[in-house]
Protein backbone atom coordinates (compact mmCIF):
# COMPACT_ATOMS: atom_id res chain seq x y z
CA UNK A 1 101.27 26.90 75.01
CA UNK A 2 98.85 24.70 76.90
CA UNK A 3 99.31 24.53 80.68
CA UNK A 4 100.27 21.14 82.05
CA UNK A 5 100.33 19.59 85.49
CA UNK A 6 103.76 18.18 86.48
CA UNK A 7 102.27 14.69 86.25
CA UNK A 8 101.60 15.32 82.55
CA UNK A 9 105.25 15.97 81.65
CA UNK A 10 108.08 13.57 80.82
CA UNK A 11 111.65 14.89 80.89
CA UNK A 12 113.92 12.81 78.66
CA UNK A 13 117.71 13.00 78.96
CA UNK A 14 119.31 12.46 75.55
CA UNK A 15 122.42 10.67 76.80
CA UNK A 16 120.27 8.13 78.64
CA UNK A 17 118.17 7.55 75.52
CA UNK A 18 121.33 6.82 73.54
CA UNK A 19 122.05 3.77 75.65
CA UNK A 20 118.48 2.51 75.93
CA UNK A 21 116.18 1.90 72.97
CA UNK A 22 113.56 1.09 75.59
CA UNK A 23 113.75 4.70 76.82
CA UNK A 24 113.42 6.02 73.25
CA UNK A 25 110.30 3.91 72.74
CA UNK A 26 108.87 4.93 76.13
CA UNK A 27 109.14 8.65 75.36
CA UNK A 28 108.11 8.26 71.71
CA UNK A 29 104.96 6.35 72.67
CA UNK A 30 104.10 8.60 75.62
CA UNK A 31 100.81 10.45 75.57
CA UNK A 32 102.35 13.05 77.89
CA UNK A 33 104.16 16.30 77.07
CA UNK A 34 107.80 15.31 76.39
CA UNK A 35 110.82 17.59 76.83
CA UNK A 36 114.10 16.30 75.35
CA UNK A 37 117.15 17.66 77.17
CA UNK A 38 120.64 17.57 75.66
CA UNK A 39 122.24 16.60 79.00
CA UNK A 40 124.62 19.54 79.54
CA UNK A 41 123.98 19.64 83.30
CA UNK A 42 125.02 16.03 83.61
CA UNK A 43 127.80 15.97 80.98
CA UNK A 44 129.23 19.53 81.05
CA UNK A 45 128.24 20.17 77.45
CA UNK A 46 125.07 19.18 75.68
CA UNK A 47 124.61 16.59 73.02
CA UNK A 48 124.43 18.00 69.52
CA UNK A 49 124.82 17.05 65.89
CA UNK A 50 123.73 13.84 64.23
CA UNK A 51 123.04 11.85 67.40
CA UNK A 52 120.83 14.54 68.86
CA UNK A 53 119.03 15.11 65.55
CA UNK A 54 118.35 11.37 65.32
CA UNK A 55 116.84 11.35 68.82
CA UNK A 56 114.65 14.35 67.97
CA UNK A 57 113.36 12.51 64.90
CA UNK A 58 112.86 9.22 66.74
CA UNK A 59 111.25 10.49 69.93
CA UNK A 60 109.36 13.43 68.38
CA UNK A 61 109.24 15.41 71.66
CA UNK A 62 107.09 18.46 72.18
CA UNK A 63 110.10 20.59 73.21
CA UNK A 64 113.80 20.18 72.40
CA UNK A 65 116.35 21.98 74.55
CA UNK A 66 119.05 23.38 72.27
CA UNK A 67 122.67 22.26 72.79
CA UNK A 68 124.53 24.26 75.42
CA UNK A 69 127.81 24.36 77.32
CA UNK A 70 127.87 25.03 81.05
CA UNK A 71 129.32 28.43 81.99
CA UNK A 72 130.01 29.40 78.37
CA UNK A 73 127.36 31.72 76.97
CA UNK A 74 129.17 32.37 73.69
CA UNK A 75 129.59 28.67 72.86
CA UNK A 76 126.03 27.95 73.99
CA UNK A 77 124.74 30.58 71.55
CA UNK A 78 126.88 29.23 68.71
CA UNK A 79 125.83 25.62 69.29
CA UNK A 80 122.17 26.59 69.54
CA UNK A 81 122.28 28.49 66.24
CA UNK A 82 124.21 25.67 64.57
CA UNK A 83 121.67 23.09 65.73
CA UNK A 84 118.77 25.22 64.46
CA UNK A 85 120.43 25.44 61.04
CA UNK A 86 120.90 21.65 61.03
CA UNK A 87 117.34 20.94 62.12
CA UNK A 88 115.96 23.35 59.51
CA UNK A 89 116.78 20.83 56.78
CA UNK A 90 114.74 18.11 58.51
CA UNK A 91 111.11 17.82 57.68
CA UNK A 92 109.02 17.45 60.83
CA UNK A 93 105.48 16.16 60.62
CA UNK A 94 104.72 17.39 64.12
CA UNK A 95 104.88 20.70 66.00
CA UNK A 96 108.16 20.61 67.90
CA UNK A 97 109.31 23.71 69.77
CA UNK A 98 112.90 24.63 70.63
CA UNK A 99 114.05 26.05 73.95
CA UNK A 100 117.30 28.00 74.19
CA UNK A 101 119.42 28.01 77.33
CA UNK A 102 120.32 31.51 78.49
């Protein structure tokens, strides 16, 4: 992976993008390295499923943080694996990477 300066990275929170199409467009059109976070730290459990898949497709981030649940390693693992099986059926025309929460 290429090394980036902090000024070259945008960190998008999925739950904020859900309520603002302007945010979706900002991150989608960004020339910077974009990380899409599921929002577990803010919400207690991360976004997942259809809404999160739609944001991944719309924004086309460089890295997607897999769904997780705070303080629950088993459920975090299950949700991460489930999301990867859901995203496997999507056809991406770009090189997205997935980051698991441990």
